[in-house]
Amino acid sequence: MKTFTQLKFYLLSITATALLLMHKPVMAMVIDDPTVKQNIVVEQNQQPIKVNINQVSSQQLVKTLHGIGKKKAQAIVAYRQQHGRINSYEQLLQVKGIGKKLLEKNRALISFGAEE
């Protein structure tokens, strides 16, 4: 009888583990920015959370991107205001303080919006 109980426990453990592994959590984060007319919703589904480089504030860039401090984030926002929409990674390289290494660290985290 003890063996049957152990086998039942073992099978339940395997089933529970399989169900947990099959579950794909989807997290949503709402970025509230008073300078943007609408809130930006970023979803996560087995990929890093992306930030729309054309819509978020400098504070949000600092929080989201690796190696981006206050000055670099402000430079991105200033570039965006002066030159308009940023449409490519290459265009981001024109922002003072943004180099190839920094861009590569953040490539998976950057979105350009609907026109991507």
PDB file of N, CA and C in Angstrom:
ATOM      1  N   MET A   1       0.824  -1.198   0.000  1.00  0.00           N
ATOM      2  CA  MET A   1       0.000   0.000   0.000  1.00  0.00           C
ATOM      3  C   MET A   1       0.863   1.255   0.000  1.00  0.00           C
ATOM      4  N   LYS A   2       1.963   1.213   0.728  1.00  0.00           N
ATOM      5  CA  LYS A   2       2.851   2.357   0.788  1.00  0.00           C
ATOM      6  C   LYS A   2       3.430   2.666  -0.591  1.00  0.00           C
ATOM      7  N   THR A   3       3.730   1.666  -1.387  1.00  0.00           N
ATOM      8  CA  THR A   3       4.283   1.852  -2.720  1.00  0.00           C
ATOM      9  C   THR A   3       3.265   2.529  -3.622  1.00  0.00           C
ATOM     10  N   PHE A   4       1.997   2.130  -3.533  1.00  0.00           N
ATOM     11  CA  PHE A   4       0.952   2.750  -4.345  1.00  0.00           C
ATOM     12  C   PHE A   4       0.803   4.239  -3.995  1.00  0.00           C
ATOM     13  N   THR A   5       0.855   4.578  -2.730  1.00  0.00           N
ATOM     14  CA  THR A   5       0.759   5.969  -2.290  1.00  0.00           C
ATOM     15  C   THR A   5       1.947   6.771  -2.809  1.00  0.00           C
ATOM     16  N   GLN A   6       3.125   6.186  -2.763  1.00  0.00           N
ATOM     17  CA  GLN A   6       4.308   6.883  -3.278  1.00  0.00           C
ATOM     18  C   GLN A   6       4.205   7.086  -4.786  1.00  0.00           C
ATOM     19  N   LEU A   7       3.724   6.095  -5.501  1.00  0.00           N
ATOM     20  CA  LEU A   7       3.555   6.192  -6.950  1.00  0.00           C
ATOM     21  C   LEU A   7       2.528   7.267  -7.299  1.00  0.00           C
ATOM     22  N   LYS A   8       1.430   7.302  -6.551  1.00  0.00           N
ATOM     23  CA  LYS A   8       0.402   8.316  -6.778  1.00  0.00           C
ATOM     24  C   LYS A   8       0.967   9.717  -6.547  1.00  0.00           C
ATOM     25  N   PHE A   9       1.728   9.901  -5.493  1.00  0.00           N
ATOM     26  CA  PHE A   9       2.349  11.188  -5.200  1.00  0.00           C
ATOM     27  C   PHE A   9       3.320  11.583  -6.313  1.00  0.00           C
ATOM     28  N   TYR A  10       4.107  10.615  -6.779  1.00  0.00           N
ATOM     29  CA  TYR A  10       5.070  10.852  -7.848  1.00  0.00           C
ATOM     30  C   TYR A  10       4.356  11.296  -9.130  1.00  0.00           C
ATOM     31  N   LEU A  11       3.285  10.618  -9.504  1.00  0.00           N
ATOM     32  CA  LEU A  11       2.538  10.974 -10.711  1.00  0.00           C
ATOM     33  C   LEU A  11       1.880  12.350 -10.589  1.00  0.00           C
ATOM     34  N   LEU A  12       1.359  12.676  -9.426  1.00  0.00           N
ATOM     35  CA  LEU A  12       0.767  13.997  -9.220  1.00  0.00           C
ATOM     36  C   LEU A  12       1.832  15.090  -9.313  1.00  0.00           C
ATOM     37  N   SER A  13       3.019  14.820  -8.792  1.00  0.00           N
ATOM     38  CA  SER A  13       4.108  15.792  -8.871  1.00  0.00           C
ATOM     39  C   SER A  13       4.522  16.040 -10.313  1.00  0.00           C
ATOM     40  N   ILE A  14       4.633  14.986 -11.091  1.00  0.00           N
ATOM     41  CA  ILE A  14       4.999  15.125 -12.504  1.00  0.00           C
ATOM     42  C   ILE A  14       3.925  15.902 -13.252  1.00  0.00           C
ATOM     43  N   THR A  15       2.667  15.600 -13.015  1.00  0.00           N
ATOM     44  CA  THR A  15       1.561  16.289 -13.674  1.00  0.00           C
ATOM     45  C   THR A  15       1.555  17.773 -13.322  1.00  0.00           C
ATOM     46  N   ALA A  16       1.729  18.084 -12.060  1.00  0.00           N
ATOM     47  CA  ALA A  16       1.746  19.489 -11.631  1.00  0.00           C
ATOM     48  C   ALA A  16       2.916  20.234 -12.252  1.00  0.00           C
ATOM     49  N   THR A  17       4.082  19.609 -12.299  1.00  0.00           N
ATOM     50  CA  THR A  17       5.255  20.238 -12.913  1.00  0.00           C
ATOM     51  C   THR A  17       5.020  20.481 -14.393  1.00  0.00           C
ATOM     52  N   ALA A  18       4.454  19.511 -15.084  1.00  0.00           N
ATOM     53  CA  ALA A  18       4.173  19.664 -16.518  1.00  0.00           C
ATOM     54  C   ALA A  18       3.194  20.799 -16.763  1.00  0.00           C
ATOM     55  N   LEU A  19       2.168  20.896 -15.935  1.00  0.00           N
ATOM     56  CA  LEU A  19       1.200  21.979 -16.093  1.00  0.00           C
ATOM     57  C   LEU A  19       1.835  23.346 -15.860  1.00  0.00           C
ATOM     58  N   LEU A  20       2.715  23.434 -14.881  1.00  0.00           N
ATOM     59  CA  LEU A  20       3.402  24.698 -14.620  1.00  0.00           C
ATOM     60  C   LEU A  20       4.324  25.085 -15.766  1.00  0.00           C
ATOM     61  N   LEU A  21       5.001  24.112 -16.347  1.00  0.00           N
ATOM     62  CA  LEU A  21       5.905  24.397 -17.455  1.00  0.00           C
ATOM     63  C   LEU A  21       5.157  24.790 -18.721  1.00  0.00           C
ATOM     64  N   MET A  22       3.959  24.278 -18.899  1.00  0.00           N
ATOM     65  CA  MET A  22       3.161  24.593 -20.090  1.00  0.00           C
ATOM     66  C   MET A  22       2.521  25.971 -19.991  1.00  0.00           C
ATOM     67  N   HIS A  23       2.333  26.460 -18.788  1.00  0.00           N
ATOM     68  CA  HIS A  23       1.686  27.749 -18.588  1.00  0.00           C
ATOM     69  C   HIS A  23       2.614  28.861 -19.053  1.00  0.00           C
ATOM     70  N   LYS A  24       2.135  29.729 -19.934  1.00  0.00           N
ATOM     71  CA  LYS A  24       2.923  30.856 -20.430  1.00  0.00           C
ATOM     72  C   LYS A  24       2.342  32.130 -19.843  1.00  0.00           C
ATOM     73  N   PRO A  25       2.977  32.664 -18.807  1.00  0.00           N
ATOM     74  CA  PRO A  25       2.433  33.873 -18.193  1.00  0.00           C
ATOM     75  C   PRO A  25       2.570  35.083 -19.110  1.00  0.00           C
ATOM     76  N   VAL A  26       1.565  35.900 -19.109  1.00  0.00           N
ATOM     77  CA  VAL A  26       1.597  37.151 -19.852  1.00  0.00           C
ATOM     78  C   VAL A  26       1.460  38.261 -18.833  1.00  0.00           C
ATOM     79  N   MET A  27       2.469  39.116 -18.786  1.00  0.00           N
ATOM     80  CA  MET A  27       2.438  40.222 -17.861  1.00  0.00           C
ATOM     81  C   MET A  27       2.218  41.497 -18.654  1.00  0.00           C
ATOM     82  N   ALA A  28       1.489  42.397 -18.099  1.00  0.00           N
ATOM     83  CA  ALA A  28       1.296  43.691 -18.743  1.00  0.00           C
ATOM     84  C   ALA A  28       1.738  44.770 -17.779  1.00  0.00           C
ATOM     85  N   MET A  29       2.353  45.789 -18.335  1.00  0.00           N
ATOM     86  CA  MET A  29       2.799  46.896 -17.521  1.00  0.00           C
ATOM     87  C   MET A  29       2.287  48.168 -18.190  1.00  0.00           C
ATOM     88  N   VAL A  30       1.599  48.971 -17.444  1.00  0.00           N
ATOM     89  CA  VAL A  30       1.111  50.234 -17.976  1.00  0.00           C
ATOM     90  C   VAL A  30       2.084  51.320 -17.562  1.00  0.00           C
ATOM     91  N   ILE A  31       2.583  52.026 -18.557  1.00  0.00           N
ATOM     92  CA  ILE A  31       3.507  53.118 -18.285  1.00  0.00           C
ATOM     93  C   ILE A  31       2.693  54.403 -18.324  1.00  0.00           C
ATOM     94  N   ASP A  32       2.589  55.052 -17.191  1.00  0.00           N
ATOM     95  CA  ASP A  32       1.793  56.258 -17.083  1.00  0.00           C
ATOM     96  C   ASP A  32       2.695  57.468 -17.261  1.00  0.00           C
ATOM     97  N   ASP A  33       2.487  58.194 -18.344  1.00  0.00           N
ATOM     98  CA  ASP A  33       3.328  59.354 -18.649  1.00  0.00           C
ATOM     99  C   ASP A  33       2.427  60.526 -18.983  1.00  0.00           C
ATOM    100  N   PRO A  34       2.450  61.576 -18.182  1.00  0.00           N
ATOM    101  CA  PRO A  34       1.567  62.714 -18.436  1.00  0.00           C
ATOM    102  C   PRO A  34       1.894  63.457 -19.728  1.00  0.00           C
ATOM    103  N   THR A  35       3.100  63.259 -20.280  1.00  0.00           N
ATOM    104  CA  THR A  35       3.446  63.942 -21.525  1.00  0.00           C
ATOM    105  C   THR A  35       2.918  63.210 -22.759  1.00  0.00           C
ATOM    106  N   VAL A  36       2.445  61.997 -22.564  1.00  0.00           N
ATOM    107  CA  VAL A  36       1.888  61.223 -23.670  1.00  0.00           C
ATOM    108  C   VAL A  36       0.367  61.250 -23.549  1.00  0.00           C
ATOM    109  N   LYS A  37      -0.323  61.389 -24.678  1.00  0.00           N
ATOM    110  CA  LYS A  37      -1.778  61.527 -24.652  1.00  0.00           C
ATOM    111  C   LYS A  37      -2.480  60.267 -24.175  1.00  0.00           C
ATOM    112  N   GLN A  38      -1.856  59.126 -24.341  1.00  0.00           N
ATOM    113  CA  GLN A  38      -2.456  57.878 -23.874  1.00  0.00           C
ATOM    114  C   GLN A  38      -1.393  57.051 -23.160  1.00  0.00           C
ATOM    115  N   ASN A  39      -1.854  56.175 -22.286  1.00  0.00           N
ATOM    116  CA  ASN A  39      -0.913  55.307 -21.593  1.00  0.00           C
ATOM    117  C   ASN A  39      -0.370  54.277 -22.568  1.00  0.00           C
ATOM    118  N   ILE A  40       0.839  53.831 -22.335  1.00  0.00           N
ATOM    119  CA  ILE A  40       1.480  52.854 -23.194  1.00  0.00           C
ATOM    120  C   ILE A  40       1.432  51.523 -22.469  1.00  0.00           C
ATOM    121  N   VAL A  41       0.891  50.508 -23.114  1.00  0.00           N
ATOM    122  CA  VAL A  41       0.831  49.186 -22.509  1.00  0.00           C
ATOM    123  C   VAL A  41       1.864  48.316 -23.202  1.00  0.00           C
ATOM    124  N   VAL A  42       2.733  47.711 -22.408  1.00  0.00           N
ATOM    125  CA  VAL A  42       3.768  46.859 -22.939  1.00  0.00           C
ATOM    126  C   VAL A  42       3.491  45.457 -22.416  1.00  0.00           C
ATOM    127  N   GLU A  43       3.465  44.458 -23.294  1.00  0.00           N
ATOM    128  CA  GLU A  43       3.180  43.100 -22.872  1.00  0.00           C
ATOM    129  C   GLU A  43       4.435  42.260 -22.912  1.00  0.00           C
ATOM    130  N   GLN A  44       4.445  41.273 -22.035  1.00  0.00           N
ATOM    131  CA  GLN A  44       5.568  40.350 -22.003  1.00  0.00           C
ATOM    132  C   GLN A  44       5.036  38.949 -22.216  1.00  0.00           C
ATOM    133  N   ASN A  45       5.574  38.249 -23.204  1.00  0.00           N
ATOM    134  CA  ASN A  45       5.197  36.865 -23.450  1.00  0.00           C
ATOM    135  C   ASN A  45       6.448  36.140 -23.929  1.00  0.00           C
ATOM    136  N   GLN A  46       7.263  35.668 -23.000  1.00  0.00           N
ATOM    137  CA  GLN A  46       8.504  34.972 -23.282  1.00  0.00           C
ATOM    138  C   GLN A  46       9.541  35.873 -23.960  1.00  0.00           C
ATOM    139  N   GLN A  47       9.334  37.157 -24.023  1.00  0.00           N
ATOM    140  CA  GLN A  47      10.287  38.096 -24.597  1.00  0.00           C
ATOM    141  C   GLN A  47      10.461  39.253 -23.625  1.00  0.00           C
ATOM    142  N   PRO A  48      11.581  39.950 -23.733  1.00  0.00           N
ATOM    143  CA  PRO A  48      11.774  41.100 -22.843  1.00  0.00           C
ATOM    144  C   PRO A  48      10.737  42.182 -23.125  1.00  0.00           C
ATOM    145  N   ILE A  49      10.442  42.967 -22.116  1.00  0.00           N
ATOM    146  CA  ILE A  49       9.524  44.083 -22.297  1.00  0.00           C
ATOM    147  C   ILE A  49      10.199  45.120 -23.172  1.00  0.00           C
ATOM    148  N   LYS A  50       9.503  45.566 -24.214  1.00  0.00           N
ATOM    149  CA  LYS A  50      10.047  46.575 -25.116  1.00  0.00           C
ATOM    150  C   LYS A  50       9.492  47.939 -24.749  1.00  0.00           C
ATOM    151  N   VAL A  51      10.282  48.964 -24.989  1.00  0.00           N
ATOM    152  CA  VAL A  51       9.871  50.331 -24.719  1.00  0.00           C
ATOM    153  C   VAL A  51       9.839  51.070 -26.060  1.00  0.00           C
ATOM    154  N   ASN A  52       8.757  51.807 -26.297  1.00  0.00           N
ATOM    155  CA  ASN A  52       8.633  52.586 -27.528  1.00  0.00           C
ATOM    156  C   ASN A  52       9.497  53.836 -27.373  1.00  0.00           C
ATOM    157  N   ILE A  53      10.594  53.865 -28.065  1.00  0.00           N
ATOM    158  CA  ILE A  53      11.581  54.937 -27.949  1.00  0.00           C
ATOM    159  C   ILE A  53      11.009  56.292 -28.353  1.00  0.00           C
ATOM    160  N   ASN A  54       9.924  56.290 -29.111  1.00  0.00           N
ATOM    161  CA  ASN A  54       9.317  57.530 -29.605  1.00  0.00           C
ATOM    162  C   ASN A  54       8.246  58.101 -28.681  1.00  0.00           C
ATOM    163  N   GLN A  55       7.901  57.391 -27.618  1.00  0.00           N
ATOM    164  CA  GLN A  55       6.795  57.853 -26.781  1.00  0.00           C
ATOM    165  C   GLN A  55       7.119  58.028 -25.309  1.00  0.00           C
ATOM    166  N   VAL A  56       8.112  57.312 -24.809  1.00  0.00           N
ATOM    167  CA  VAL A  56       8.332  57.350 -23.363  1.00  0.00           C
ATOM    168  C   VAL A  56       9.191  58.533 -22.930  1.00  0.00           C
ATOM    169  N   SER A  57       9.098  58.845 -21.662  1.00  0.00           N
ATOM    170  CA  SER A  57       9.867  59.954 -21.086  1.00  0.00           C
ATOM    171  C   SER A  57      11.298  59.522 -20.819  1.00  0.00           C
ATOM    172  N   SER A  58      12.141  60.496 -20.510  1.00  0.00           N
ATOM    173  CA  SER A  58      13.541  60.188 -20.201  1.00  0.00           C
ATOM    174  C   SER A  58      13.638  59.328 -18.935  1.00  0.00           C
ATOM    175  N   GLN A  59      12.763  59.568 -17.967  1.00  0.00           N
ATOM    176  CA  GLN A  59      12.778  58.762 -16.732  1.00  0.00           C
ATOM    177  C   GLN A  59      12.486  57.298 -17.036  1.00  0.00           C
ATOM    178  N   GLN A  60      11.560  57.055 -17.950  1.00  0.00           N
ATOM    179  CA  GLN A  60      11.219  55.681 -18.301  1.00  0.00           C
ATOM    180  C   GLN A  60      12.348  55.013 -19.085  1.00  0.00           C
ATOM    181  N   LEU A  61      13.056  55.790 -19.896  1.00  0.00           N
ATOM    182  CA  LEU A  61      14.211  55.242 -20.603  1.00  0.00           C
ATOM    183  C   LEU A  61      15.283  54.808 -19.609  1.00  0.00           C
ATOM    184  N   VAL A  62      15.518  55.613 -18.592  1.00  0.00           N
ATOM    185  CA  VAL A  62      16.509  55.289 -17.561  1.00  0.00           C
ATOM    186  C   VAL A  62      16.118  53.999 -16.849  1.00  0.00           C
ATOM    187  N   LYS A  63      14.842  53.847 -16.523  1.00  0.00           N
ATOM    188  CA  LYS A  63      14.362  52.669 -15.794  1.00  0.00           C
ATOM    189  C   LYS A  63      14.414  51.405 -16.639  1.00  0.00           C
ATOM    190  N   THR A  64      14.203  51.524 -17.948  1.00  0.00           N
ATOM    191  CA  THR A  64      14.028  50.359 -18.807  1.00  0.00           C
ATOM    192  C   THR A  64      15.293  49.903 -19.511  1.00  0.00           C
ATOM    193  N   LEU A  65      16.109  50.824 -19.985  1.00  0.00           N
ATOM    194  CA  LEU A  65      17.254  50.466 -20.816  1.00  0.00           C
ATOM    195  C   LEU A  65      18.537  50.329 -19.997  1.00  0.00           C
ATOM    196  N   HIS A  66      19.380  49.406 -20.406  1.00  0.00           N
ATOM    197  CA  HIS A  66      20.653  49.129 -19.734  1.00  0.00           C
ATOM    198  C   HIS A  66      21.695  50.174 -20.139  1.00  0.00           C
ATOM    199  N   GLY A  67      22.388  50.736 -19.163  1.00  0.00           N
ATOM    200  CA  GLY A  67      23.468  51.671 -19.445  1.00  0.00           C
ATOM    201  C   GLY A  67      23.009  53.058 -19.867  1.00  0.00           C
ATOM    202  N   ILE A  68      21.730  53.331 -19.720  1.00  0.00           N
ATOM    203  CA  ILE A  68      21.185  54.645 -20.076  1.00  0.00           C
ATOM    204  C   ILE A  68      20.917  55.402 -18.781  1.00  0.00           C
ATOM    205  N   GLY A  69      21.690  56.468 -18.589  1.00  0.00           N
ATOM    206  CA  GLY A  69      21.499  57.325 -17.431  1.00  0.00           C
ATOM    207  C   GLY A  69      20.654  58.528 -17.822  1.00  0.00           C
ATOM    208  N   LYS A  70      20.573  59.447 -16.889  1.00  0.00           N
ATOM    209  CA  LYS A  70      19.727  60.628 -17.070  1.00  0.00           C
ATOM    210  C   LYS A  70      20.135  61.451 -18.302  1.00  0.00           C
ATOM    211  N   LYS A  71      21.441  61.678 -18.477  1.00  0.00           N
ATOM    212  CA  LYS A  71      21.907  62.516 -19.591  1.00  0.00           C
ATOM    213  C   LYS A  71      21.659  61.868 -20.952  1.00  0.00           C
ATOM    214  N   LYS A  72      21.919  60.581 -21.063  1.00  0.00           N
ATOM    215  CA  LYS A  72      21.699  59.896 -22.344  1.00  0.00           C
ATOM    216  C   LYS A  72      20.210  59.821 -22.664  1.00  0.00           C
ATOM    217  N   ALA A  73      19.410  59.595 -21.641  1.00  0.00           N
ATOM    218  CA  ALA A  73      17.958  59.547 -21.845  1.00  0.00           C
ATOM    219  C   ALA A  73      17.441  60.910 -22.298  1.00  0.00           C
ATOM    220  N   GLN A  74      17.943  61.967 -21.675  1.00  0.00           N
ATOM    221  CA  GLN A  74      17.541  63.319 -22.082  1.00  0.00           C
ATOM    222  C   GLN A  74      18.013  63.625 -23.501  1.00  0.00           C
ATOM    223  N   ALA A  75      19.178  63.091 -23.886  1.00  0.00           N
ATOM    224  CA  ALA A  75      19.680  63.289 -25.246  1.00  0.00           C
ATOM    225  C   ALA A  75      18.775  62.596 -26.267  1.00  0.00           C
ATOM    226  N   ILE A  76      18.266  61.421 -25.920  1.00  0.00           N
ATOM    227  CA  ILE A  76      17.344  60.708 -26.813  1.00  0.00           C
ATOM    228  C   ILE A  76      16.065  61.519 -26.989  1.00  0.00           C
ATOM    229  N   VAL A  77      15.515  62.004 -25.896  1.00  0.00           N
ATOM    230  CA  VAL A  77      14.278  62.793 -25.958  1.00  0.00           C
ATOM    231  C   VAL A  77      14.520  64.089 -26.739  1.00  0.00           C
ATOM    232  N   ALA A  78      15.654  64.745 -26.510  1.00  0.00           N
ATOM    233  CA  ALA A  78      15.973  65.984 -27.218  1.00  0.00           C
ATOM    234  C   ALA A  78      16.133  65.724 -28.716  1.00  0.00           C
ATOM    235  N   TYR A  79      16.786  64.627 -29.065  1.00  0.00           N
ATOM    236  CA  TYR A  79      16.954  64.265 -30.481  1.00  0.00           C
ATOM    237  C   TYR A  79      15.590  64.048 -31.127  1.00  0.00           C
ATOM    238  N   ARG A  80      14.745  63.339 -30.409  1.00  0.00           N
ATOM    239  CA  ARG A  80      13.390  63.048 -30.891  1.00  0.00           C
ATOM    240  C   ARG A  80      12.603  64.339 -31.109  1.00  0.00           C
ATOM    241  N   GLN A  81      12.732  65.283 -30.194  1.00  0.00           N
ATOM    242  CA  GLN A  81      12.011  66.550 -30.313  1.00  0.00           C
ATOM    243  C   GLN A  81      12.562  67.400 -31.456  1.00  0.00           C
ATOM    244  N   GLN A  82      13.866  67.337 -31.669  1.00  0.00           N
ATOM    245  CA  GLN A  82      14.496  68.158 -32.698  1.00  0.00           C
ATOM    246  C   GLN A  82      14.344  67.560 -34.101  1.00  0.00           C
ATOM    247  N   HIS A  83      14.468  66.229 -34.208  1.00  0.00           N
ATOM    248  CA  HIS A  83      14.488  65.577 -35.517  1.00  0.00           C
ATOM    249  C   HIS A  83      13.216  64.801 -35.845  1.00  0.00           C
ATOM    250  N   GLY A  84      12.321  64.707 -34.899  1.00  0.00           N
ATOM    251  CA  GLY A  84      11.098  63.925 -35.124  1.00  0.00           C
ATOM    252  C   GLY A  84      11.297  62.466 -34.768  1.00  0.00           C
ATOM    253  N   ARG A  85      10.407  61.666 -35.245  1.00  0.00           N
ATOM    254  CA  ARG A  85      10.344  60.242 -34.948  1.00  0.00           C
ATOM    255  C   ARG A  85      11.662  59.519 -35.258  1.00  0.00           C
ATOM    256  N   ILE A  86      12.065  58.639 -34.335  1.00  0.00           N
ATOM    257  CA  ILE A  86      13.232  57.775 -34.552  1.00  0.00           C
ATOM    258  C   ILE A  86      12.704  56.481 -35.157  1.00  0.00           C
ATOM    259  N   ASN A  87      13.225  56.115 -36.326  1.00  0.00           N
ATOM    260  CA  ASN A  87      12.673  54.975 -37.060  1.00  0.00           C
ATOM    261  C   ASN A  87      13.592  53.764 -37.155  1.00  0.00           C
ATOM    262  N   SER A  88      14.836  53.878 -36.701  1.00  0.00           N
ATOM    263  CA  SER A  88      15.747  52.743 -36.846  1.00  0.00           C
ATOM    264  C   SER A  88      16.829  52.777 -35.770  1.00  0.00           C
ATOM    265  N   TYR A  89      17.488  51.631 -35.623  1.00  0.00           N
ATOM    266  CA  TYR A  89      18.596  51.538 -34.680  1.00  0.00           C
ATOM    267  C   TYR A  89      19.750  52.424 -35.150  1.00  0.00           C
ATOM    268  N   GLU A  90      19.954  52.477 -36.463  1.00  0.00           N
ATOM    269  CA  GLU A  90      21.021  53.300 -37.021  1.00  0.00           C
ATOM    270  C   GLU A  90      20.795  54.779 -36.700  1.00  0.00           C
ATOM    271  N   GLN A  91      19.546  55.204 -36.733  1.00  0.00           N
ATOM    272  CA  GLN A  91      19.233  56.596 -36.409  1.00  0.00           C
ATOM    273  C   GLN A  91      19.543  56.884 -34.935  1.00  0.00           C
ATOM    274  N   LEU A  92      19.345  55.887 -34.087  1.00  0.00           N
ATOM    275  CA  LEU A  92      19.673  56.050 -32.659  1.00  0.00           C
ATOM    276  C   LEU A  92      21.163  56.287 -32.446  1.00  0.00           C
ATOM    277  N   LEU A  93      21.989  55.767 -33.326  1.00  0.00           N
ATOM    278  CA  LEU A  93      23.432  55.962 -33.206  1.00  0.00           C
ATOM    279  C   LEU A  93      23.825  57.429 -33.394  1.00  0.00           C
ATOM    280  N   GLN A  94      22.947  58.226 -33.962  1.00  0.00           N
ATOM    281  CA  GLN A  94      23.209  59.652 -34.162  1.00  0.00           C
ATOM    282  C   GLN A  94      23.013  60.454 -32.871  1.00  0.00           C
ATOM    283  N   VAL A  95      22.386  59.837 -31.877  1.00  0.00           N
ATOM    284  CA  VAL A  95      22.170  60.502 -30.590  1.00  0.00           C
ATOM    285  C   VAL A  95      23.489  60.509 -29.823  1.00  0.00           C
ATOM    286  N   LYS A  96      23.865  61.664 -29.303  1.00  0.00           N
ATOM    287  CA  LYS A  96      25.112  61.804 -28.552  1.00  0.00           C
ATOM    288  C   LYS A  96      25.114  60.838 -27.360  1.00  0.00           C
ATOM    289  N   GLY A  97      26.175  60.053 -27.253  1.00  0.00           N
ATOM    290  CA  GLY A  97      26.319  59.117 -26.145  1.00  0.00           C
ATOM    291  C   GLY A  97      25.834  57.713 -26.434  1.00  0.00           C
ATOM    292  N   ILE A  98      25.198  57.512 -27.578  1.00  0.00           N
ATOM    293  CA  ILE A  98      24.709  56.178 -27.931  1.00  0.00           C
ATOM    294  C   ILE A  98      25.671  55.574 -28.951  1.00  0.00           C
ATOM    295  N   GLY A  99      26.345  54.517 -28.547  1.00  0.00           N
ATOM    296  CA  GLY A  99      27.285  53.831 -29.434  1.00  0.00           C
ATOM    297  C   GLY A  99      26.785  52.442 -29.784  1.00  0.00           C
ATOM    298  N   LYS A 100      27.556  51.751 -30.601  1.00  0.00           N
ATOM    299  CA  LYS A 100      27.161  50.410 -31.068  1.00  0.00           C
ATOM    300  C   LYS A 100      27.019  49.413 -29.922  1.00  0.00           C
ATOM    301  N   LYS A 101      27.939  49.438 -28.967  1.00  0.00           N
ATOM    302  CA  LYS A 101      27.878  48.487 -27.847  1.00  0.00           C
ATOM    303  C   LYS A 101      26.631  48.715 -26.993  1.00  0.00           C
ATOM    304  N   LEU A 102      26.352  49.968 -26.705  1.00  0.00           N
ATOM    305  CA  LEU A 102      25.174  50.298 -25.900  1.00  0.00           C
ATOM    306  C   LEU A 102      23.894  49.925 -26.647  1.00  0.00           C
ATOM    307  N   LEU A 103      23.898  50.171 -27.941  1.00  0.00           N
ATOM    308  CA  LEU A 103      22.733  49.830 -28.760  1.00  0.00           C
ATOM    309  C   LEU A 103      22.498  48.320 -28.764  1.00  0.00           C
ATOM    310  N   GLU A 104      23.568  47.551 -28.895  1.00  0.00           N
ATOM    311  CA  GLU A 104      23.429  46.093 -28.911  1.00  0.00           C
ATOM    312  C   GLU A 104      22.901  45.556 -27.580  1.00  0.00           C
ATOM    313  N   LYS A 105      23.306  46.176 -26.457  1.00  0.00           N
ATOM    314  CA  LYS A 105      22.798  45.764 -25.141  1.00  0.00           C
ATOM    315  C   LYS A 105      21.288  45.933 -25.052  1.00  0.00           C
ATOM    316  N   ASN A 106      20.766  46.930 -25.770  1.00  0.00           N
ATOM    317  CA  ASN A 106      19.362  47.305 -25.627  1.00  0.00           C
ATOM    318  C   ASN A 106      18.496  46.968 -26.833  1.00  0.00           C
ATOM    319  N   ARG A 107      19.061  46.387 -27.854  1.00  0.00           N
ATOM    320  CA  ARG A 107      18.314  46.121 -29.095  1.00  0.00           C
ATOM    321  C   ARG A 107      16.999  45.379 -28.846  1.00  0.00           C
ATOM    322  N   ALA A 108      17.030  44.392 -27.985  1.00  0.00           N
ATOM    323  CA  ALA A 108      15.824  43.595 -27.717  1.00  0.00           C
ATOM    324  C   ALA A 108      14.790  44.356 -26.889  1.00  0.00           C
ATOM    325  N   LEU A 109      15.182  45.484 -26.307  1.00  0.00           N
ATOM    326  CA  LEU A 109      14.283  46.245 -25.440  1.00  0.00           C
ATOM    327  C   LEU A 109      13.657  47.454 -26.127  1.00  0.00           C
ATOM    328  N   ILE A 110      14.098  47.741 -27.357  1.00  0.00           N
ATOM    329  CA  ILE A 110      13.671  48.970 -28.035  1.00  0.00           C
ATOM    330  C   ILE A 110      12.650  48.667 -29.120  1.00  0.00           C
ATOM    331  N   SER A 111      11.605  49.473 -29.112  1.00  0.00           N
ATOM    332  CA  SER A 111      10.571  49.422 -30.139  1.00  0.00           C
ATOM    333  C   SER A 111      10.463  50.816 -30.744  1.00  0.00           C
ATOM    334  N   PHE A 112      10.097  50.871 -32.015  1.00  0.00           N
ATOM    335  CA  PHE A 112       9.918  52.160 -32.682  1.00  0.00           C
ATOM    336  C   PHE A 112       8.442  52.480 -32.903  1.00  0.00           C
ATOM    337  N   GLY A 113       7.547  51.629 -32.422  1.00  0.00           N
ATOM    338  CA  GLY A 113       6.125  51.887 -32.554  1.00  0.00           C
ATOM    339  C   GLY A 113       5.483  51.112 -33.685  1.00  0.00           C
ATOM    340  N   ALA A 114       4.347  51.580 -34.129  1.00  0.00           N
ATOM    341  CA  ALA A 114       3.510  50.878 -35.097  1.00  0.00           C
ATOM    342  C   ALA A 114       4.178  50.653 -36.448  1.00  0.00           C
ATOM    343  N   GLU A 115       5.099  51.519 -36.846  1.00  0.00           N
ATOM    344  CA  GLU A 115       5.692  51.400 -38.159  1.00  0.00           C
ATOM    345  C   GLU A 115       6.818  50.377 -38.235  1.00  0.00           C
ATOM    346  N   GLU A 116       7.063  49.617 -37.160  1.00  0.00           N
ATOM    347  CA  GLU A 116       8.177  48.656 -37.140  1.00  0.00           C
ATOM    348  C   GLU A 116       8.001  47.598 -38.187  1.00  0.00           C
TER     349      GLU A 116
END
